[in-house]
N, C-alpha and C. Protein backbone atom coordinates (compact mmCIF):
# COMPACT_ATOMS: atom_id res chain seq x y z
N MET A 1 -14.04 -15.76 -2.09
CA MET A 1 -13.73 -14.71 -3.08
C MET A 1 -13.31 -15.43 -4.51
N SER A 2 -12.58 -16.51 -4.47
CA SER A 2 -12.45 -17.45 -5.51
C SER A 2 -13.48 -17.79 -6.56
N GLU A 3 -14.88 -18.18 -5.66
CA GLU A 3 -15.50 -19.05 -6.13
C GLU A 3 -16.22 -17.98 -6.75
N LEU A 4 -16.62 -16.62 -6.09
CA LEU A 4 -17.54 -15.28 -6.92
C LEU A 4 -16.57 -14.83 -7.90
N GLN A 5 -15.47 -14.88 -7.90
CA GLN A 5 -14.64 -14.43 -9.57
C GLN A 5 -14.71 -14.98 -10.38
N ALA A 6 -14.84 -16.56 -9.85
CA ALA A 6 -14.83 -17.17 -11.08
C ALA A 6 -16.04 -17.66 -11.54
N ALA A 7 -17.32 -16.98 -11.12
CA ALA A 7 -18.74 -16.50 -11.50
C ALA A 7 -18.90 -15.23 -12.49
N ASN A 8 -17.70 -14.44 -12.25
CA ASN A 8 -17.71 -13.39 -12.77
C ASN A 8 -18.51 -12.45 -12.49
N ALA A 9 -18.39 -12.61 -10.94
CA ALA A 9 -18.75 -11.61 -9.78
C ALA A 9 -17.83 -10.59 -9.19
N ALA A 10 -17.86 -9.43 -9.26
CA ALA A 10 -16.84 -8.60 -8.35
C ALA A 10 -16.64 -9.12 -7.36
N ALA A 11 -15.23 -9.37 -6.70
CA ALA A 11 -15.17 -9.71 -5.42
C ALA A 11 -13.67 -9.54 -4.98
N GLY A 12 -14.08 -9.20 -3.53
CA GLY A 12 -12.26 -8.81 -3.16
C GLY A 12 -12.15 -9.20 -1.54
N VAL A 13 -10.98 -9.52 -0.98
CA VAL A 13 -11.00 -9.43 0.12
C VAL A 13 -11.08 -8.51 1.40
N VAL A 14 -11.79 -8.70 2.28
CA VAL A 14 -11.86 -7.39 3.40
C VAL A 14 -11.11 -7.58 4.28
N ARG A 15 -10.16 -7.00 4.52
CA ARG A 15 -9.09 -6.95 5.72
C ARG A 15 -9.09 -5.78 6.47
N LEU A 16 -8.53 -6.12 7.59
CA LEU A 16 -8.66 -4.66 8.70
C LEU A 16 -7.17 -3.78 8.17
N PRO A 17 -7.17 -2.72 8.32
CA PRO A 17 -5.95 -2.12 8.20
C PRO A 17 -5.06 -2.57 8.17
N ILE A 18 -4.38 -2.73 9.61
CA ILE A 18 -3.52 -3.26 9.98
C ILE A 18 -2.68 -4.60 9.13
N TYR A 19 -3.64 -5.53 8.68
CA TYR A 19 -2.97 -6.13 8.13
C TYR A 19 -2.41 -5.87 6.25
N LEU A 20 -2.67 -4.36 5.98
CA LEU A 20 -2.18 -4.16 4.67
C LEU A 20 -0.60 -3.39 5.35
N LEU A 21 -0.24 -3.57 6.36
CA LEU A 21 1.40 -3.40 6.36
C LEU A 21 2.05 -4.34 5.75
N ASN A 22 1.21 -5.86 5.97
CA ASN A 22 2.15 -6.88 5.58
C ASN A 22 1.73 -7.77 4.34
N ASP A 23 0.96 -6.65 3.64
CA ASP A 23 0.57 -7.07 2.29
C ASP A 23 1.72 -7.66 1.30
N LEU A 24 1.58 -8.96 0.47
CA LEU A 24 2.64 -8.93 -0.26
C LEU A 24 2.90 -7.81 -1.47
N HIS A 25 1.51 -7.83 -1.97
CA HIS A 25 1.46 -6.89 -3.18
C HIS A 25 1.70 -5.69 -3.23
N LEU A 26 1.32 -4.86 -1.97
CA LEU A 26 1.57 -3.55 -1.48
C LEU A 26 3.01 -3.52 -1.31
N GLY A 27 3.69 -4.38 -0.67
CA GLY A 27 4.68 -4.47 -0.41
C GLY A 27 5.82 -4.56 -1.73
N SER A 28 5.55 -5.46 -2.65
CA SER A 28 6.37 -5.59 -4.09
C SER A 28 6.20 -4.19 -4.51
N ARG A 29 4.84 -3.55 -4.62
CA ARG A 29 4.64 -2.27 -5.71
C ARG A 29 5.56 -0.89 -4.53
N GLY A 30 6.12 -1.14 -3.33
CA GLY A 30 6.82 -0.14 -2.56
C GLY A 30 5.46 0.76 -2.28
N PHE A 31 4.12 0.42 -2.06
CA PHE A 31 3.28 1.13 -1.73
C PHE A 31 3.36 1.78 -0.73
N LEU A 32 3.60 1.39 0.59
CA LEU A 32 4.01 1.95 2.14
C LEU A 32 5.42 2.81 2.17
N GLN A 33 5.74 3.57 2.28
CA GLN A 33 7.20 4.28 2.35
C GLN A 33 7.01 4.71 4.14
N GLN A 34 8.38 4.16 4.58
CA GLN A 34 8.61 4.99 5.81
C GLN A 34 8.90 6.45 6.11
N VAL A 35 8.00 7.17 6.60
CA VAL A 35 8.25 8.54 6.89
C VAL A 35 8.58 8.97 8.30
N GLU A 36 9.64 9.66 8.50
CA GLU A 36 9.87 9.97 9.80
C GLU A 36 9.01 10.88 10.53
N ARG A 37 8.37 11.08 11.30
CA ARG A 37 7.68 11.37 12.38
C ARG A 37 8.11 12.31 13.77
N ALA A 38 7.78 13.30 14.04
CA ALA A 38 8.62 14.13 15.25
C ALA A 38 8.15 13.31 16.82
N PHE A 39 7.24 12.88 16.67
CA PHE A 39 6.85 11.95 18.37
C PHE A 39 6.72 10.41 17.89
N ILE A 40 6.34 9.79 16.75
CA ILE A 40 6.20 8.63 16.91
C ILE A 40 7.70 8.09 15.59
N ARG A 41 8.41 8.72 15.27
CA ARG A 41 9.55 8.20 15.08
C ARG A 41 9.04 8.14 13.39
N LEU A 42 9.78 6.37 13.19
CA LEU A 42 9.11 6.04 11.66
C LEU A 42 7.65 5.44 11.30
N HIS A 43 7.24 6.11 10.42
CA HIS A 43 5.83 5.64 10.38
C HIS A 43 5.38 5.40 8.92
N PRO A 44 4.92 3.90 8.57
CA PRO A 44 4.45 3.64 7.11
C PRO A 44 3.34 4.60 6.81
N GLN A 45 3.78 5.32 5.59
CA GLN A 45 2.91 6.49 4.98
C GLN A 45 2.53 5.53 3.78
N PRO A 46 1.10 5.63 2.97
CA PRO A 46 0.94 5.14 1.57
C PRO A 46 1.32 6.53 0.77
N SER A 47 1.76 5.68 -0.32
CA SER A 47 2.15 6.54 -1.63
C SER A 47 0.96 7.12 -2.27
N ILE A 48 1.08 8.28 -2.81
CA ILE A 48 0.11 8.64 -3.67
C ILE A 48 -0.34 7.44 -4.73
N PRO A 49 -1.34 7.47 -5.39
CA PRO A 49 -2.01 6.62 -6.39
C PRO A 49 -1.21 6.91 -7.81
N ILE A 50 -0.77 7.81 -7.85
CA ILE A 50 -0.23 8.76 -9.30
C ILE A 50 1.07 8.26 -9.49
N ARG A 51 1.74 7.55 -10.32
CA ARG A 51 2.92 7.09 -11.09
C ARG A 51 3.41 7.68 -11.91
N GLU A 52 4.67 8.54 -12.13
CA GLU A 52 5.20 8.98 -13.58
C GLU A 52 6.14 8.00 -14.22
N ASP A 53 6.48 6.86 -13.35
CA ASP A 53 7.39 5.56 -13.83
C ASP A 53 6.86 4.51 -12.82
N ALA A 54 7.77 3.50 -12.92
CA ALA A 54 7.39 2.27 -12.35
C ALA A 54 7.67 2.72 -10.73
N ARG A 55 8.38 3.63 -10.30
CA ARG A 55 8.59 3.66 -9.03
C ARG A 55 7.74 4.56 -8.23
N PRO A 56 7.55 4.52 -7.23
CA PRO A 56 6.41 5.23 -6.22
C PRO A 56 6.76 6.57 -6.17
N TYR A 57 6.06 7.70 -6.03
CA TYR A 57 6.24 8.74 -5.73
C TYR A 57 6.62 8.97 -4.80
N VAL A 58 8.42 9.57 -4.42
CA VAL A 58 8.79 9.94 -3.05
C VAL A 58 8.29 11.22 -2.36
N SER A 59 8.16 11.31 -1.48
CA SER A 59 7.46 12.35 -0.78
C SER A 59 8.81 12.95 -0.09
N ALA A 60 8.79 14.58 -0.65
CA ALA A 60 9.99 15.31 -0.10
C ALA A 60 10.52 14.71 1.48
N GLN A 61 10.01 14.96 2.00
CA GLN A 61 10.43 14.31 3.44
C GLN A 61 11.56 13.21 3.50
N LEU A 62 11.09 12.19 2.37
CA LEU A 62 12.16 11.17 2.48
C LEU A 62 13.34 11.17 1.26
N ARG A 63 13.38 12.56 0.61
CA ARG A 63 14.74 12.75 -0.31
C ARG A 63 15.65 13.43 0.53
């Protein structure tokens, strides 16, 4: 990926969705929020991509 980007080619890492749970960038942005679900209890839920300020939008379920 780094070599392609150095050659001005758009490139990024392709990962399985399970690896996103431990992604440092997404974690630092607060992208995944823990939402209570009836049968599975706490479940990581992605935030909406739109922000009104520096913090991620908090679902009504989390308030």
